[in-house]
Amino acid sequence: MFEAYILPVLIVVGVGLAAGVMLMLAAKFMAVEVDERVEKVRACLPGANCGGCGYAGCDDYAAHIVSGEAPLTACPPGGTAVAQAIGAVLGQEVGEMVPMVAVVNCSATKDQAVHPMDYIGRKGCLAASLLYNGDMACQFGCLGYGDCVDACKYDAIHVVDGLARVDKDLCTGCGACSVVCPHNVISINPHAAHVVVACSNTDKGAQTRKKCSTGCIGCKKCEKQCEYDAIKVINNLAVIDFDKCTSCGKCVDVCPQHVIENCFKGAVAGPAEDEAVAAEA
């Protein structure tokens, strides 16, 4: 009886040994060499996996940097310090990066925007936008349901009175909030920019007035006032060229809708902003 089990056992052992040998040979001849610099570059990155670099997380970004397919300066949360650390690993010189920050291009609070209907459903901007593009008459404004808040890994954006507001002291400019906004209301601008157009509505002025009390009406007063040719009304909406803008504030003063404003006016201010406002006062 015992001898009847010997052959099956030998067969199983033989198959196991053969499979082990095949796996060993496959591991040896089909192994993909990993550049040790990838791990070193990965160690320099903050590990937020926010996607601000345009790649699928920090691991993917590190691999593309070493392969020469990605720039060293594409990590917004890390900024100049991280870029220079990566440069040291790869033996490359890296200059100063321009700090970026998220800006909500809408200024209408819950009371200032016209809501022709009540939205009763899943509380999310994307979900609301799928139903007649949202519950607001303005189809370009902030829906205020907080998809951007959920996307932010730095607690830098919150919805206050129906409008998303950015804490510039916490924002890294990674762009995660901008990606999930179904109305594309959030843009990523240079942190040094002092004035922005807090509106995204491209309707004609008469239509805008019916939908929102704070929307840009395309009157071109800002364009005529700017001596640096830094602001133009394009498709009924004022647009700032930050390369030309000197932040003189003249466009802010003449805007009848008060839609051109200090970049962080009305934002969730941090201590630095409070000190700046106090100094201006």
Protein backbone atom coordinates (compact mmCIF):
# COMPACT_ATOMS: atom_id res chain seq x y z
CA MET A 1 0.00 0.00 0.00
CA PHE A 2 2.75 2.44 0.97
CA GLU A 3 4.59 1.80 -2.27
CA ALA A 4 1.52 2.99 -4.21
CA TYR A 5 2.14 6.55 -2.94
CA ILE A 6 5.80 6.71 -3.90
CA LEU A 7 5.33 7.42 -7.62
CA PRO A 8 2.83 10.30 -7.15
CA VAL A 9 5.06 11.86 -4.49
CA LEU A 10 8.08 11.62 -6.77
CA ILE A 11 6.12 13.19 -9.61
CA VAL A 12 5.00 16.10 -7.42
CA VAL A 13 8.54 16.63 -6.10
CA GLY A 14 9.94 16.47 -9.63
CA VAL A 15 7.43 19.01 -10.92
CA GLY A 16 8.21 21.28 -7.96
CA LEU A 17 11.95 21.07 -8.61
CA ALA A 18 11.49 21.72 -12.31
CA ALA A 19 9.25 24.71 -11.62
CA GLY A 20 11.78 26.06 -9.10
CA VAL A 21 14.60 25.78 -11.62
CA MET A 22 12.51 27.49 -14.30
CA LEU A 23 11.60 30.34 -11.96
CA MET A 24 15.25 30.75 -10.96
CA LEU A 25 16.36 30.90 -14.57
CA ALA A 26 13.54 33.32 -15.44
CA ALA A 27 14.48 35.60 -12.54
CA LYS A 28 18.07 35.60 -13.72
CA PHE A 29 17.63 36.08 -17.45
CA MET A 30 14.44 38.18 -17.45
CA ALA A 31 15.31 40.46 -14.54
CA VAL A 32 14.88 44.18 -15.17
CA GLU A 33 17.74 46.19 -13.79
CA VAL A 34 16.61 49.01 -11.50
CA ASP A 35 18.67 52.17 -11.51
CA GLU A 36 19.62 52.81 -7.90
CA ARG A 37 19.18 56.52 -8.54
CA VAL A 38 15.40 56.00 -8.74
CA GLU A 39 15.30 55.12 -5.04
CA LYS A 40 17.51 58.08 -4.18
CA VAL A 41 15.34 60.47 -6.17
CA ARG A 42 12.20 58.97 -4.64
CA ALA A 43 13.62 59.62 -1.18
CA CYS A 44 13.88 63.33 -2.03
CA LEU A 45 10.19 63.62 -2.91
CA PRO A 46 7.61 64.54 -0.25
CA GLY A 47 5.51 61.39 -0.80
CA ALA A 48 2.21 63.22 -1.16
CA ASN A 49 1.30 61.32 -4.35
CA CYS A 50 -0.87 64.33 -5.23
CA GLY A 51 -0.38 64.06 -8.98
CA GLY A 52 0.70 67.69 -9.27
CA CYS A 53 3.74 66.58 -11.29
CA GLY A 54 1.51 64.99 -13.90
CA TYR A 55 2.57 61.44 -13.09
CA ALA A 56 0.95 58.58 -11.20
CA GLY A 57 2.48 59.32 -7.83
CA CYS A 58 5.99 59.94 -6.54
CA ASP A 59 7.36 56.53 -7.57
CA ASP A 60 6.32 57.04 -11.18
CA TYR A 61 7.66 60.59 -11.20
CA ALA A 62 11.03 59.46 -9.79
CA ALA A 63 11.37 56.80 -12.50
CA HIS A 64 10.59 59.32 -15.23
CA ILE A 65 13.09 61.82 -13.82
CA VAL A 66 15.92 59.29 -13.91
CA SER A 67 14.98 58.19 -17.43
CA GLY A 68 15.16 61.82 -18.55
CA GLU A 69 11.47 61.99 -19.46
CA ALA A 70 10.41 64.36 -16.67
CA PRO A 71 11.81 67.70 -15.47
CA LEU A 72 13.30 67.99 -12.01
CA THR A 73 11.07 70.96 -11.21
CA ALA A 74 7.61 69.39 -11.61
CA CYS A 75 6.88 68.79 -7.91
CA PRO A 76 4.82 71.77 -6.63
CA PRO A 77 4.68 70.65 -2.97
CA GLY A 78 8.44 70.14 -2.86
CA GLY A 79 9.33 73.38 -4.60
CA THR A 80 12.90 74.55 -5.07
CA ALA A 81 14.31 72.61 -2.12
CA VAL A 82 13.19 69.23 -3.48
CA ALA A 83 14.20 70.08 -7.05
CA GLN A 84 17.70 71.01 -5.88
CA ALA A 85 17.96 67.85 -3.77
CA ILE A 86 17.10 65.79 -6.84
CA GLY A 87 19.61 67.80 -8.83
CA ALA A 88 22.30 66.93 -6.31
CA VAL A 89 21.52 63.22 -6.73
CA LEU A 90 21.73 63.45 -10.51
CA GLY A 91 24.55 65.98 -10.65
CA GLN A 92 22.45 68.69 -12.28
CA GLU A 93 22.09 72.38 -11.50
CA VAL A 94 18.58 73.54 -10.63
CA GLY A 95 17.48 77.16 -10.39
CA GLU A 96 14.74 78.73 -8.30
CA MET A 97 11.19 77.52 -8.98
CA VAL A 98 8.25 79.92 -9.16
CA PRO A 99 5.93 79.08 -6.22
CA MET A 100 2.37 78.41 -7.35
CA VAL A 101 -0.93 78.65 -5.53
CA ALA A 102 -4.54 77.70 -6.24
CA VAL A 103 -6.92 80.55 -6.98
CA VAL A 104 -10.70 80.26 -7.08
CA ASN A 105 -11.85 82.21 -10.13
CA CYS A 106 -15.27 82.89 -8.69
CA SER A 107 -16.37 85.40 -6.06
CA ALA A 108 -20.07 84.62 -5.71
CA THR A 109 -21.18 83.43 -2.30
CA LYS A 110 -24.38 81.47 -1.80
CA ASP A 111 -26.43 84.68 -1.57
CA GLN A 112 -24.80 86.42 -4.54
CA ALA A 113 -25.36 83.64 -7.07
CA VAL A 114 -28.84 82.96 -8.42
CA HIS A 115 -30.14 79.44 -7.65
CA PRO A 116 -33.20 78.71 -9.81
CA MET A 117 -33.70 75.28 -8.25
CA ASP A 118 -32.94 73.29 -5.13
CA TYR A 119 -30.53 70.41 -5.56
CA ILE A 120 -31.49 67.34 -3.55
CA GLY A 121 -29.06 64.55 -4.16
CA ARG A 122 -25.54 63.33 -3.50
CA LYS A 123 -23.56 66.24 -2.10
CA GLY A 124 -20.73 66.63 -4.52
CA CYS A 125 -19.78 69.11 -7.23
CA LEU A 126 -19.45 66.46 -9.91
CA ALA A 127 -22.76 64.85 -8.97
CA ALA A 128 -24.55 68.21 -8.97
CA SER A 129 -22.99 69.25 -12.28
CA LEU A 130 -24.42 66.15 -13.97
CA LEU A 131 -27.92 67.48 -13.27
CA TYR A 132 -28.46 70.49 -15.56
CA ASN A 133 -24.82 71.49 -14.93
CA GLY A 134 -25.59 72.31 -11.30
CA ASP A 135 -28.19 74.17 -9.27
CA MET A 136 -26.84 77.63 -10.15
CA ALA A 137 -28.04 79.88 -12.96
CA CYS A 138 -24.39 80.62 -13.72
CA GLN A 139 -22.88 77.52 -15.28
CA PHE A 140 -19.34 78.79 -14.75
CA GLY A 141 -19.31 79.35 -10.99
CA CYS A 142 -18.20 77.45 -7.90
CA LEU A 143 -20.83 74.87 -6.96
CA GLY A 144 -19.64 74.84 -3.38
CA TYR A 145 -20.12 71.15 -2.55
CA GLY A 146 -16.47 70.57 -1.68
CA ASP A 147 -14.97 68.10 -4.15
CA CYS A 148 -11.86 70.30 -4.01
CA VAL A 149 -11.79 70.03 -0.21
CA ASP A 150 -11.79 66.23 -0.41
CA ALA A 151 -9.03 66.27 -3.04
CA CYS A 152 -6.66 68.52 -1.07
CA LYS A 153 -4.06 66.64 0.97
CA TYR A 154 -2.91 69.79 2.75
CA ASP A 155 -6.17 71.09 4.27
CA ALA A 156 -5.61 74.25 2.22
CA ILE A 157 -9.09 74.76 0.77
CA HIS A 158 -12.50 74.97 2.42
CA VAL A 159 -16.02 75.91 1.41
CA VAL A 160 -17.24 78.99 3.26
CA ASP A 161 -20.69 80.42 2.59
CA GLY A 162 -21.04 78.30 -0.54
CA LEU A 163 -17.71 79.35 -2.06
CA ALA A 164 -14.37 77.52 -2.08
CA ARG A 165 -11.63 79.56 -0.41
CA VAL A 166 -7.89 78.91 -0.37
CA ASP A 167 -5.46 79.25 2.53
CA LYS A 168 -2.38 80.47 0.70
CA ASP A 169 -0.11 79.60 3.61
CA LEU A 170 -1.01 75.92 3.33
CA CYS A 171 -1.51 75.62 -0.44
CA THR A 172 1.36 74.00 -2.34
CA GLY A 173 -0.05 74.61 -5.82
CA CYS A 174 -0.22 70.88 -6.54
CA GLY A 175 -3.38 71.35 -8.63
CA ALA A 176 -5.37 68.44 -7.17
CA CYS A 177 -8.31 70.76 -6.43
CA SER A 178 -8.21 72.15 -9.95
CA VAL A 179 -8.36 68.69 -11.51
CA VAL A 180 -11.56 67.65 -9.72
CA CYS A 181 -13.48 70.92 -10.23
CA PRO A 182 -16.17 70.17 -12.84
CA HIS A 183 -16.58 73.86 -13.71
CA ASN A 184 -12.80 74.48 -14.00
CA VAL A 185 -13.16 77.37 -11.57
CA ILE A 186 -9.82 76.77 -9.81
CA SER A 187 -6.63 77.82 -11.56
CA ILE A 188 -3.00 77.48 -10.48
CA ASN A 189 -1.30 80.86 -10.58
CA PRO A 190 2.09 82.27 -9.55
CA HIS A 191 2.09 82.80 -5.79
CA ALA A 192 3.49 86.30 -6.31
CA ALA A 193 0.50 87.42 -8.37
CA HIS A 194 -1.40 90.05 -6.39
CA VAL A 195 -4.47 90.53 -8.57
CA VAL A 196 -6.78 88.02 -10.18
CA VAL A 197 -10.12 87.99 -11.94
CA ALA A 198 -12.41 86.16 -9.53
CA CYS A 199 -14.85 85.08 -12.22
CA SER A 200 -15.03 82.47 -14.98
CA ASN A 201 -18.28 83.54 -16.68
CA THR A 202 -17.97 84.11 -20.43
CA ASP A 203 -21.60 85.13 -20.97
CA LYS A 204 -22.35 88.63 -22.21
CA GLY A 205 -22.74 91.27 -19.54
CA ALA A 206 -26.55 91.42 -19.64
CA GLN A 207 -26.82 87.66 -19.17
CA THR A 208 -24.22 87.64 -16.40
CA ARG A 209 -26.11 90.27 -14.39
CA LYS A 210 -29.20 88.05 -14.37
CA LYS A 211 -27.28 85.12 -12.95
CA CYS A 212 -24.80 86.65 -10.52
CA SER A 213 -24.34 89.98 -8.79
CA THR A 214 -20.55 89.76 -8.81
CA GLY A 215 -19.75 88.41 -12.29
CA CYS A 216 -17.48 90.04 -14.88
CA ILE A 217 -19.61 91.91 -17.43
CA GLY A 218 -16.83 92.46 -19.96
CA CYS A 219 -17.07 96.26 -19.78
CA LYS A 220 -13.35 96.69 -20.61
CA LYS A 221 -12.81 99.43 -18.05
CA CYS A 222 -9.92 97.42 -16.65
CA GLU A 223 -8.43 96.97 -20.11
CA LYS A 224 -8.59 100.70 -20.84
CA GLN A 225 -7.12 101.59 -17.45
CA CYS A 226 -4.10 99.27 -17.61
CA GLU A 227 -1.01 101.05 -18.92
CA TYR A 228 0.97 97.82 -19.11
CA ASP A 229 -1.35 96.01 -21.53
CA ALA A 230 -1.60 93.29 -18.89
CA ILE A 231 -5.36 92.71 -18.90
CA LYS A 232 -7.64 91.99 -21.84
CA VAL A 233 -11.30 91.13 -22.17
CA ILE A 234 -11.40 87.88 -24.09
CA ASN A 235 -14.72 86.18 -24.81
CA ASN A 236 -16.53 88.58 -22.45
CA LEU A 237 -14.15 87.85 -19.55
CA ALA A 238 -11.20 89.87 -18.24
CA VAL A 239 -7.96 87.88 -18.42
CA ILE A 240 -4.66 88.88 -16.76
CA ASP A 241 -1.24 88.33 -18.31
CA PHE A 242 0.90 87.72 -15.22
CA ASP A 243 4.10 88.24 -17.19
CA LYS A 244 3.07 91.85 -17.79
CA CYS A 245 1.08 92.60 -14.65
CA THR A 246 2.84 94.85 -12.10
CA SER A 247 0.07 94.54 -9.49
CA CYS A 248 -0.48 98.30 -9.55
CA GLY A 249 -4.14 97.73 -8.66
CA LYS A 250 -5.65 100.25 -11.08
CA CYS A 251 -7.84 97.58 -12.66
CA VAL A 252 -9.09 96.66 -9.19
CA ASP A 253 -10.17 100.24 -8.56
CA VAL A 254 -12.17 100.68 -11.76
CA CYS A 255 -14.00 97.34 -11.86
CA PRO A 256 -17.70 98.14 -11.34
CA GLN A 257 -18.43 94.56 -10.28
CA HIS A 258 -15.49 94.39 -7.87
CA VAL A 259 -14.56 91.10 -9.47
CA ILE A 260 -10.89 91.99 -9.95
CA GLU A 261 -9.30 91.75 -6.55
CA ASN A 262 -6.28 90.99 -4.49
CA CYS A 263 -5.43 87.36 -5.11
CA PHE A 264 -6.17 86.34 -1.55
CA LYS A 265 -8.93 88.76 -0.67
CA GLY A 266 -11.68 86.79 0.98
CA ALA A 267 -9.49 83.69 1.22
CA VAL A 268 -8.94 81.75 4.39
CA ALA A 269 -6.17 84.01 5.61
CA GLY A 270 -3.18 82.88 7.61
CA PRO A 271 -1.03 84.97 9.99
CA ALA A 272 1.09 86.36 7.15
CA GLU A 273 -1.98 87.57 5.30
CA ASP A 274 -3.43 89.15 8.43
CA GLU A 275 -0.20 91.12 8.91
CA ALA A 276 -0.22 92.23 5.26
CA VAL A 277 -3.83 93.43 5.49
CA ALA A 278 -3.04 95.30 8.70
CA ALA A 279 -0.04 96.97 7.08
CA GLU A 280 -2.12 98.11 4.12
CA ALA A 281 -4.72 99.55 6.49
